[in-house]
């Protein structure tokens, strides 16, 4: 059995599965239940100055029969007194000394505010801080959360202020509501961050009720944008984790967040550079018990891969992740249809004919409908295999290269090398 223990910026945890700062980590009772279930760590629901929450806070987006494909919320940070939270953090850490407790913090972008909350919270024995620069609703309207997390200078300053008094590692939680997340990640580096976490929720509106014309959710017939999370955001989160993991200017441990629902999702985030992974929506949907399958699944996967520790998996895919300009233009795949498995739904033909490259032919053979790909016209876009409902009916096969590898960037350099210089043109 593989070793699932991790060392995240000096923070030890029995496994990489943490609960994210959210409703599941609102109280000591909940966090202790989570630890009993097997979670390795928890990021306590964000602490800060007292706030008031509204009623009717959550909404879900279902798709094609899947409940909670996406999840939207307009809940703010903790609405419980700081003293109560600190007491419960202390009690929880005392009862579970080997589990990780990270305190999420959010205050106004003022040095004295950060100094005060850091000093107060670290006295109860937390293993680290997560600075919440990501919450996109409510708090952002007050200049906190994503409002400051979108400004690199404020990310750097606030990280520095927290580090001035922090005696434990400081993690900076980044907002995805920005053009380039590496810019704010680099600001966190300049501020002295020990690690980064991503992504926080994405600006969103879950929907509109077509009968009442109210937004979903609504509070007394008024709505506001919220934060979007759940399985639907996983591809966005994976990209942002990968961009930060491959940047030579960041080089910090990453805690991956965004749509992680099972051990496979967790393994993908770890391969893309995450040392720990944080879960919220899946726990809210199915309960704390899901961590058992996550632990067993990741253990079995590591054993199958011959890896002794989960730490050996961290970042293995990062060297394979690059810019489009570094992809091989001469690499070719084409679709191949197995008519013995095909159920003749013709989805592949329709998709290719209407929206792709018109390279799938319909014909009959001994009175039986058949499909065939014209390889010379196929560009290997994968669309037919994506829409096919019959497992194994369409596969993508690699063609033997007829030319040596050549990327767009290499091609442009080659062209530039043959181009006449301005001086020769002048002569």
Protein backbone atom coordinates (compact mmCIF):
# COMPACT_ATOMS: atom_id res chain seq x y z
CA UNK A 1 0.00 0.00 0.00
CA UNK A 2 1.34 3.39 -0.99
CA UNK A 3 2.18 6.14 1.46
CA UNK A 4 -0.44 8.89 1.18
CA UNK A 5 1.22 11.25 3.64
CA UNK A 6 2.20 14.61 2.21
CA UNK A 7 4.50 17.47 3.12
CA UNK A 8 2.90 20.66 1.87
CA UNK A 9 5.17 23.66 2.40
CA UNK A 10 6.25 22.10 5.68
CA UNK A 11 2.69 21.19 6.70
CA UNK A 12 2.36 17.45 7.36
CA UNK A 13 -0.91 15.73 6.53
CA UNK A 14 -1.92 12.04 6.70
CA UNK A 15 -3.27 12.22 3.14
CA UNK A 16 -3.74 14.85 0.41
CA UNK A 17 -7.53 15.06 0.81
CA UNK A 18 -8.61 18.28 2.49
CA UNK A 19 -11.99 19.90 2.83
CA UNK A 20 -12.02 23.37 1.30
CA UNK A 21 -12.98 26.49 3.22
CA UNK A 22 -16.75 26.41 2.81
CA UNK A 23 -19.96 25.33 4.59
CA UNK A 24 -18.55 21.81 5.34
CA UNK A 25 -15.85 23.38 7.55
CA UNK A 26 -18.05 25.88 9.37
CA UNK A 27 -17.75 24.33 12.84
CA UNK A 28 -15.70 22.08 15.04
CA UNK A 29 -18.45 19.47 14.99
CA UNK A 30 -18.28 19.23 11.21
CA UNK A 31 -14.49 19.21 10.94
CA UNK A 32 -14.21 16.53 13.62
CA UNK A 33 -16.78 14.39 11.79
CA UNK A 34 -14.72 14.84 8.64
CA UNK A 35 -11.52 13.76 10.36
CA UNK A 36 -13.28 10.72 11.75
CA UNK A 37 -14.38 9.85 8.21
CA UNK A 38 -10.77 9.97 6.99
CA UNK A 39 -10.12 13.45 5.62
CA UNK A 40 -6.49 14.42 6.05
CA UNK A 41 -7.10 18.11 6.57
CA UNK A 42 -9.60 20.93 6.55
CA UNK A 43 -9.43 24.60 5.69
CA UNK A 44 -11.68 26.26 8.27
CA UNK A 45 -14.46 28.41 6.86
CA UNK A 46 -13.07 31.90 6.37
CA UNK A 47 -12.60 33.95 9.52
CA UNK A 48 -12.85 37.73 9.60
CA UNK A 49 -14.91 40.59 10.91
CA UNK A 50 -18.56 39.74 11.71
CA UNK A 51 -20.91 39.58 8.73
CA UNK A 52 -24.58 38.93 8.03
CA UNK A 53 -25.69 36.27 5.57
CA UNK A 54 -28.90 36.09 3.53
CA UNK A 55 -31.43 33.29 3.29
CA UNK A 56 -31.68 31.24 0.06
CA UNK A 57 -27.96 30.98 -0.65
CA UNK A 58 -27.38 27.99 -2.92
CA UNK A 59 -28.37 26.88 -6.41
CA UNK A 60 -27.31 23.95 -8.55
CA UNK A 61 -27.00 23.44 -12.26
CA UNK A 62 -28.02 19.98 -13.45
CA UNK A 63 -27.15 18.71 -16.90
CA UNK A 64 -28.43 15.77 -18.89
CA UNK A 65 -29.71 13.99 -15.80
CA UNK A 66 -26.64 14.70 -13.63
CA UNK A 67 -27.57 16.48 -10.44
CA UNK A 68 -25.21 19.21 -9.27
CA UNK A 69 -23.02 19.34 -12.37
CA UNK A 70 -22.32 22.87 -11.15
CA UNK A 71 -23.00 24.63 -7.86
CA UNK A 72 -23.59 28.32 -7.18
CA UNK A 73 -23.59 30.09 -3.82
CA UNK A 74 -24.01 33.61 -2.48
CA UNK A 75 -22.97 32.74 1.08
CA UNK A 76 -20.30 34.89 2.69
CA UNK A 77 -17.57 34.05 5.19
CA UNK A 78 -18.37 32.72 8.65
CA UNK A 79 -21.20 34.46 10.45
CA UNK A 80 -20.15 32.98 13.80
CA UNK A 81 -18.13 34.99 16.34
CA UNK A 82 -14.36 34.73 16.01
CA UNK A 83 -14.02 33.65 19.64
CA UNK A 84 -16.33 30.68 19.07
CA UNK A 85 -14.41 29.59 15.99
CA UNK A 86 -11.06 29.88 17.74
CA UNK A 87 -12.30 27.79 20.68
CA UNK A 88 -13.50 25.07 18.33
CA UNK A 89 -10.30 25.13 16.27
CA UNK A 90 -8.27 24.66 19.46
CA UNK A 91 -10.47 21.79 20.61
CA UNK A 92 -10.40 20.10 17.22
CA UNK A 93 -6.63 20.34 16.89
CA UNK A 94 -6.21 18.97 20.41
CA UNK A 95 -8.39 15.99 19.58
CA UNK A 96 -6.82 15.40 16.13
CA UNK A 97 -3.19 16.53 16.47
CA UNK A 98 -2.04 14.63 13.38
CA UNK A 99 -4.64 16.14 11.06
CA UNK A 100 -4.15 19.41 9.23
CA UNK A 101 -6.12 22.50 10.16
CA UNK A 102 -5.65 25.56 7.98
CA UNK A 103 -7.34 28.81 8.96
CA UNK A 104 -8.79 30.76 6.06
CA UNK A 105 -8.61 34.50 6.66
CA UNK A 106 -10.18 37.56 5.06
CA UNK A 107 -9.99 41.14 6.30
CA UNK A 108 -9.76 44.61 4.82
CA UNK A 109 -6.52 45.32 2.92
CA UNK A 110 -4.90 47.12 5.84
CA UNK A 111 -1.68 46.08 7.56
CA UNK A 112 -3.07 46.39 11.08
CA UNK A 113 -6.07 44.23 10.21
CA UNK A 114 -3.87 41.43 8.93
CA UNK A 115 -1.49 41.69 11.86
CA UNK A 116 -4.33 41.47 14.36
CA UNK A 117 -6.12 38.46 12.90
CA UNK A 118 -2.94 36.50 12.25
CA UNK A 119 -1.80 36.93 15.85
CA UNK A 120 -5.18 35.96 17.28
CA UNK A 121 -5.71 32.89 15.13
CA UNK A 122 -2.26 31.35 15.25
CA UNK A 123 -2.40 31.24 19.06
CA UNK A 124 -4.92 28.36 18.88
CA UNK A 125 -2.49 26.07 17.07
CA UNK A 126 -3.41 26.12 13.38
CA UNK A 127 -1.00 24.46 10.97
CA UNK A 128 -1.16 27.26 8.44
CA UNK A 129 -3.12 30.17 7.02
CA UNK A 130 -4.94 30.46 3.73
CA UNK A 131 -5.46 34.07 2.67
CA UNK A 132 -8.81 34.27 0.90
CA UNK A 133 -8.23 36.54 -2.09
CA UNK A 134 -10.79 34.72 -4.17
CA UNK A 135 -14.38 35.02 -2.91
CA UNK A 136 -16.18 36.79 -5.81
CA UNK A 137 -19.45 37.90 -4.20
CA UNK A 138 -20.53 40.04 -1.29
CA UNK A 139 -17.15 40.50 0.33
CA UNK A 140 -15.70 41.67 -2.99
CA UNK A 141 -18.17 44.56 -2.92
CA UNK A 142 -16.43 45.64 0.28
CA UNK A 143 -12.95 45.59 -1.23
CA UNK A 144 -12.01 42.12 0.03
CA UNK A 145 -11.84 38.66 -1.52
CA UNK A 146 -11.63 38.74 -5.31
CA UNK A 147 -11.66 42.56 -5.37
CA UNK A 148 -8.20 42.62 -3.82
CA UNK A 149 -7.21 39.29 -5.35
CA UNK A 150 -7.50 40.79 -8.83
CA UNK A 151 -4.93 43.47 -8.03
CA UNK A 152 -1.38 42.08 -7.98
CA UNK A 153 -0.09 44.93 -5.79
CA UNK A 154 -2.71 44.18 -3.12
CA UNK A 155 -1.99 40.46 -3.29
CA UNK A 156 1.68 41.16 -2.69
CA UNK A 157 1.09 43.67 0.11
CA UNK A 158 -1.45 41.60 2.00
CA UNK A 159 0.68 38.48 1.74
CA UNK A 160 3.60 40.45 3.12
CA UNK A 161 1.52 41.82 6.00
CA UNK A 162 0.34 38.34 6.93
CA UNK A 163 3.87 36.97 6.72
CA UNK A 164 5.16 39.68 9.01
CA UNK A 165 3.39 38.06 11.96
CA UNK A 166 2.77 34.49 10.80
CA UNK A 167 4.71 31.74 12.52
CA UNK A 168 3.18 29.04 10.31
CA UNK A 169 3.12 28.68 6.50
CA UNK A 170 0.98 31.12 4.54
CA UNK A 171 -1.03 29.88 1.56
CA UNK A 172 -2.49 32.43 -0.86
CA UNK A 173 -5.83 31.43 -2.39
CA UNK A 174 -6.16 32.89 -5.87
CA UNK A 175 -9.21 34.05 -7.77
CA UNK A 176 -9.95 32.58 -11.20
CA UNK A 177 -11.80 35.78 -12.13
CA UNK A 178 -8.77 37.23 -13.82
CA UNK A 179 -7.13 37.11 -17.24
CA UNK A 180 -3.86 35.45 -16.20
CA UNK A 181 -3.69 33.74 -12.80
CA UNK A 182 0.10 33.49 -12.96
CA UNK A 183 0.32 37.28 -12.55
CA UNK A 184 -1.29 37.20 -9.11
CA UNK A 185 0.56 33.99 -8.25
CA UNK A 186 3.83 35.81 -8.91
CA UNK A 187 2.60 38.67 -6.72
CA UNK A 188 2.06 36.14 -3.93
CA UNK A 189 5.64 34.95 -4.43
CA UNK A 190 6.93 38.50 -4.10
CA UNK A 191 4.91 38.90 -0.91
CA UNK A 192 6.61 35.88 0.60
CA UNK A 193 3.89 33.21 0.26
CA UNK A 194 4.85 29.68 1.21
CA UNK A 195 2.26 28.12 -1.09
CA UNK A 196 -0.72 28.93 -3.30
CA UNK A 197 -4.16 27.38 -3.66
CA UNK A 198 -6.59 27.58 -6.55
CA UNK A 199 -9.19 28.03 -7.74
CA UNK A 200 -11.78 29.90 -5.78
CA UNK A 201 -15.26 30.14 -7.24
CA UNK A 202 -16.12 31.74 -10.59
CA UNK A 203 -18.51 34.68 -11.05
CA UNK A 204 -21.84 33.18 -12.03
CA UNK A 205 -25.61 33.20 -12.14
CA UNK A 206 -27.12 29.73 -11.87
CA UNK A 207 -30.24 30.51 -13.88
CA UNK A 208 -33.52 32.36 -14.26
CA UNK A 209 -36.97 31.04 -13.31
CA UNK A 210 -39.03 31.29 -16.49
CA UNK A 211 -42.29 31.56 -14.57
CA UNK A 212 -41.46 34.22 -11.98
CA UNK A 213 -38.52 35.78 -13.89
CA UNK A 214 -36.55 35.68 -10.63
CA UNK A 215 -32.89 34.78 -10.64
CA UNK A 216 -31.87 31.43 -9.15
CA UNK A 217 -31.38 31.74 -6.25
CA UNK A 218 -33.23 34.89 -5.29
CA UNK A 219 -33.64 36.71 -2.01
CA UNK A 220 -37.08 38.30 -1.83
CA UNK A 221 -37.29 38.65 -5.62
CA UNK A 222 -33.78 40.11 -5.94
CA UNK A 223 -30.68 38.29 -7.04
CA UNK A 224 -26.93 38.77 -7.21
CA UNK A 225 -24.05 36.98 -8.87
CA UNK A 226 -22.48 34.20 -6.86
CA UNK A 227 -19.53 31.84 -6.95
CA UNK A 228 -19.60 28.79 -9.24
CA UNK A 229 -17.92 25.50 -8.36
CA UNK A 230 -18.45 21.76 -8.77
CA UNK A 231 -17.59 19.32 -11.59
CA UNK A 232 -18.25 21.91 -14.31
CA UNK A 233 -15.27 24.05 -13.27
CA UNK A 234 -12.70 21.23 -13.16
CA UNK A 235 -11.20 21.90 -16.63
CA UNK A 236 -10.75 25.58 -15.78
CA UNK A 237 -9.11 24.74 -12.47
CA UNK A 238 -6.80 22.11 -14.00
CA UNK A 239 -5.53 24.61 -16.55
CA UNK A 240 -4.84 27.26 -13.92
CA UNK A 241 -3.04 24.77 -11.68
CA UNK A 242 -0.98 23.64 -14.66
CA UNK A 243 -0.10 27.19 -15.71
CA UNK A 244 1.19 27.98 -12.23
CA UNK A 245 2.96 24.65 -11.84
CA UNK A 246 4.94 25.08 -15.06
CA UNK A 247 5.89 28.70 -14.49
CA UNK A 248 9.56 29.13 -13.58
CA UNK A 249 8.67 32.32 -11.71
CA UNK A 250 6.35 30.72 -9.17
CA UNK A 251 7.85 27.45 -7.91
CA UNK A 252 5.55 27.10 -4.90
CA UNK A 253 3.57 24.12 -3.61
CA UNK A 254 -0.02 24.14 -4.90
CA UNK A 255 -3.24 23.06 -3.26
CA UNK A 256 -5.63 22.21 -6.08
CA UNK A 257 -9.32 23.09 -5.88
CA UNK A 258 -12.18 22.94 -8.37
CA UNK A 259 -14.62 20.15 -9.17
CA UNK A 260 -12.75 17.31 -7.48
CA UNK A 261 -15.35 14.59 -6.94
CA UNK A 262 -13.43 11.29 -6.85
CA UNK A 263 -9.95 9.81 -6.67
CA UNK A 264 -9.48 10.13 -10.44
CA UNK A 265 -10.06 13.87 -10.29
CA UNK A 266 -7.64 14.12 -7.38
CA UNK A 267 -4.98 12.16 -9.27
CA UNK A 268 -5.32 14.50 -12.25
CA UNK A 269 -4.79 17.55 -10.06
CA UNK A 270 -1.79 15.92 -8.40
CA UNK A 271 -0.31 15.04 -11.79
CA UNK A 272 -0.76 18.69 -12.81
CA UNK A 273 1.23 19.89 -9.81
CA UNK A 274 -1.03 19.87 -6.74
CA UNK A 275 0.40 18.44 -3.55
CA UNK A 276 -2.89 18.60 -1.67
CA UNK A 277 -6.40 18.71 -3.09
CA UNK A 278 -9.41 20.46 -1.60
CA UNK A 279 -13.01 19.30 -1.93
CA UNK A 280 -16.28 21.09 -1.26
CA UNK A 281 -19.17 20.47 -3.66
CA UNK A 282 -18.80 16.68 -3.75
CA UNK A 283 -18.86 16.55 0.06
CA UNK A 284 -21.95 18.77 0.13
CA UNK A 285 -23.61 16.51 -2.42
CA UNK A 286 -22.68 13.11 -1.01
CA UNK A 287 -21.34 13.61 2.52
CA UNK A 288 -17.97 13.16 4.19
CA UNK A 289 -17.95 9.40 3.53
CA UNK A 290 -16.78 9.90 -0.07
CA UNK A 291 -13.23 10.21 1.19
CA UNK A 292 -13.06 6.46 1.80
CA UNK A 293 -13.33 5.70 -1.92
CA UNK A 294 -10.90 8.54 -2.65
CA UNK A 295 -8.30 7.05 -0.33
CA UNK A 296 -8.78 3.48 -1.56
CA UNK A 297 -8.82 4.51 -5.22
CA UNK A 298 -5.68 6.62 -5.01
CA UNK A 299 -3.90 3.90 -3.05
CA UNK A 300 -4.73 1.28 -5.67
CA UNK A 301 -3.75 3.60 -8.50
CA UNK A 302 -0.35 4.31 -6.95
CA UNK A 303 0.20 0.59 -6.39
CA UNK A 304 -0.70 -0.14 -10.02
CA UNK A 305 1.78 2.49 -11.15
CA UNK A 306 4.49 1.12 -8.87
CA UNK A 307 4.78 4.35 -6.87
CA UNK A 308 5.64 4.10 -3.18
CA UNK A 309 4.32 7.55 -2.23
CA UNK A 310 1.75 10.01 -3.48
CA UNK A 311 4.51 12.61 -3.40
CA UNK A 312 6.12 10.71 -6.29
CA UNK A 313 3.06 11.52 -8.42
CA UNK A 314 3.11 15.28 -7.90
CA UNK A 315 3.67 17.21 -11.13
CA UNK A 316 4.44 14.26 -13.41
CA UNK A 317 2.31 15.70 -16.22
CA UNK A 318 3.62 19.26 -15.92
CA UNK A 319 6.58 18.76 -18.34
CA UNK A 320 4.04 17.56 -20.92
CA UNK A 321 1.98 20.77 -20.62
CA UNK A 322 3.13 23.58 -22.86
CA UNK A 323 2.02 26.33 -25.25
CA UNK A 324 0.19 25.64 -28.52
CA UNK A 325 3.21 26.89 -30.42
CA UNK A 326 5.28 24.01 -29.05
CA UNK A 327 2.98 21.25 -30.36
CA UNK A 328 4.10 19.02 -33.23
CA UNK A 329 2.35 20.08 -36.45
CA UNK A 330 3.31 16.78 -38.10
CA UNK A 331 1.74 14.49 -35.51
CA UNK A 332 -1.37 12.89 -37.02
CA UNK A 333 -4.28 10.81 -35.69
CA UNK A 334 -7.38 9.69 -37.55
CA UNK A 335 -10.65 8.12 -36.51
CA UNK A 336 -11.33 4.44 -37.06
CA UNK A 337 -14.84 2.99 -36.81
CA UNK A 338 -15.49 -0.59 -35.71
CA UNK A 339 -18.75 -1.49 -37.42
CA UNK A 340 -19.11 -4.64 -35.29
CA UNK A 341 -19.55 -2.43 -32.23
CA UNK A 342 -21.31 0.49 -33.95
CA UNK A 343 -25.04 0.77 -33.10
CA UNK A 344 -25.81 2.83 -36.23
CA UNK A 345 -27.06 5.86 -34.38
CA UNK A 346 -25.15 7.94 -36.95
CA UNK A 347 -24.23 10.59 -34.37
CA UNK A 348 -20.67 10.55 -35.63
CA UNK A 349 -21.74 11.09 -39.23
CA UNK A 350 -24.11 13.90 -38.32
CA UNK A 351 -21.52 15.65 -36.13
CA UNK A 352 -18.83 15.32 -38.76
CA UNK A 353 -21.09 16.30 -41.67
CA UNK A 354 -22.72 19.29 -39.98
CA UNK A 355 -19.99 20.68 -37.75
CA UNK A 356 -16.61 19.22 -38.64
CA UNK A 357 -14.80 18.00 -41.78
CA UNK A 358 -17.28 15.81 -43.73
CA UNK A 359 -15.01 12.76 -43.77
CA UNK A 360 -17.34 9.95 -42.62
CA UNK A 361 -19.15 8.05 -45.39
CA UNK A 362 -22.40 6.11 -45.05
CA UNK A 363 -22.80 2.98 -47.17
CA UNK A 364 -24.39 -0.44 -47.08
CA UNK A 365 -22.76 -3.85 -47.23
CA UNK A 366 -24.93 -6.90 -47.73
CA UNK A 367 -27.90 -4.78 -46.77
CA UNK A 368 -26.26 -3.65 -43.53
CA UNK A 369 -25.62 0.08 -42.87
CA UNK A 370 -21.92 0.83 -42.47
CA UNK A 371 -19.68 3.80 -41.69
CA UNK A 372 -16.16 4.48 -42.89
CA UNK A 373 -13.70 7.30 -42.30
CA UNK A 374 -11.84 8.75 -45.27
CA UNK A 375 -8.44 9.00 -43.64
CA UNK A 376 -7.08 11.43 -46.22
CA UNK A 377 -9.72 13.98 -45.20
CA UNK A 378 -9.79 13.28 -41.44
CA UNK A 379 -7.99 15.91 -39.35
CA UNK A 380 -8.11 13.91 -36.11
CA UNK A 381 -10.34 16.38 -34.28
CA UNK A 382 -11.80 13.60 -32.01
CA UNK A 383 -15.39 14.89 -32.37
CA UNK A 384 -16.82 11.62 -33.67
CA UNK A 385 -15.32 9.62 -30.80
CA UNK A 386 -16.60 12.21 -28.32
CA UNK A 387 -20.23 12.05 -29.47
CA UNK A 388 -20.30 8.27 -29.99
CA UNK A 389 -22.42 6.53 -27.30
CA UNK A 390 -21.03 3.03 -28.05
CA UNK A 391 -17.88 2.35 -26.06
CA UNK A 392 -15.07 1.23 -28.35
CA UNK A 393 -16.91 1.82 -31.61
CA UNK A 394 -14.62 4.70 -32.58
CA UNK A 395 -10.95 4.90 -31.73
CA UNK A 396 -8.32 7.42 -32.67
CA UNK A 397 -5.22 5.82 -34.16
CA UNK A 398 -1.81 7.38 -34.68
CA UNK A 399 -0.45 7.46 -38.21
CA UNK A 400 3.17 6.70 -38.95
CA UNK A 401 4.89 10.10 -39.30
CA UNK A 402 5.92 11.01 -42.82
CA UNK A 403 7.84 14.10 -41.74
CA UNK A 404 10.05 14.90 -38.75
CA UNK A 405 8.49 16.74 -35.80
CA UNK A 406 7.99 20.45 -36.39
CA UNK A 407 6.31 22.95 -34.08
CA UNK A 408 4.84 26.29 -35.09
CA UNK A 409 7.58 28.11 -33.19
CA UNK A 410 10.28 26.07 -34.93
CA UNK A 411 8.61 26.70 -38.28
CA UNK A 412 8.57 30.46 -37.71
CA UNK A 413 12.24 30.46 -36.73
CA UNK A 414 13.06 28.49 -39.86
CA UNK A 415 11.11 30.92 -42.05
CA UNK A 416 12.77 33.87 -40.34
CA UNK A 417 16.16 32.33 -41.01
CA UNK A 418 15.48 32.25 -44.75
CA UNK A 419 13.96 35.72 -44.88
CA UNK A 420 16.21 38.45 -46.32
CA UNK A 421 17.50 40.92 -43.78
CA UNK A 422 16.49 44.57 -43.87
CA UNK A 423 20.07 45.55 -44.71
CA UNK A 424 20.18 43.24 -47.74
CA UNK A 425 16.82 44.61 -48.91
CA UNK A 426 18.21 48.15 -48.61
CA UNK A 427 21.19 47.22 -50.77
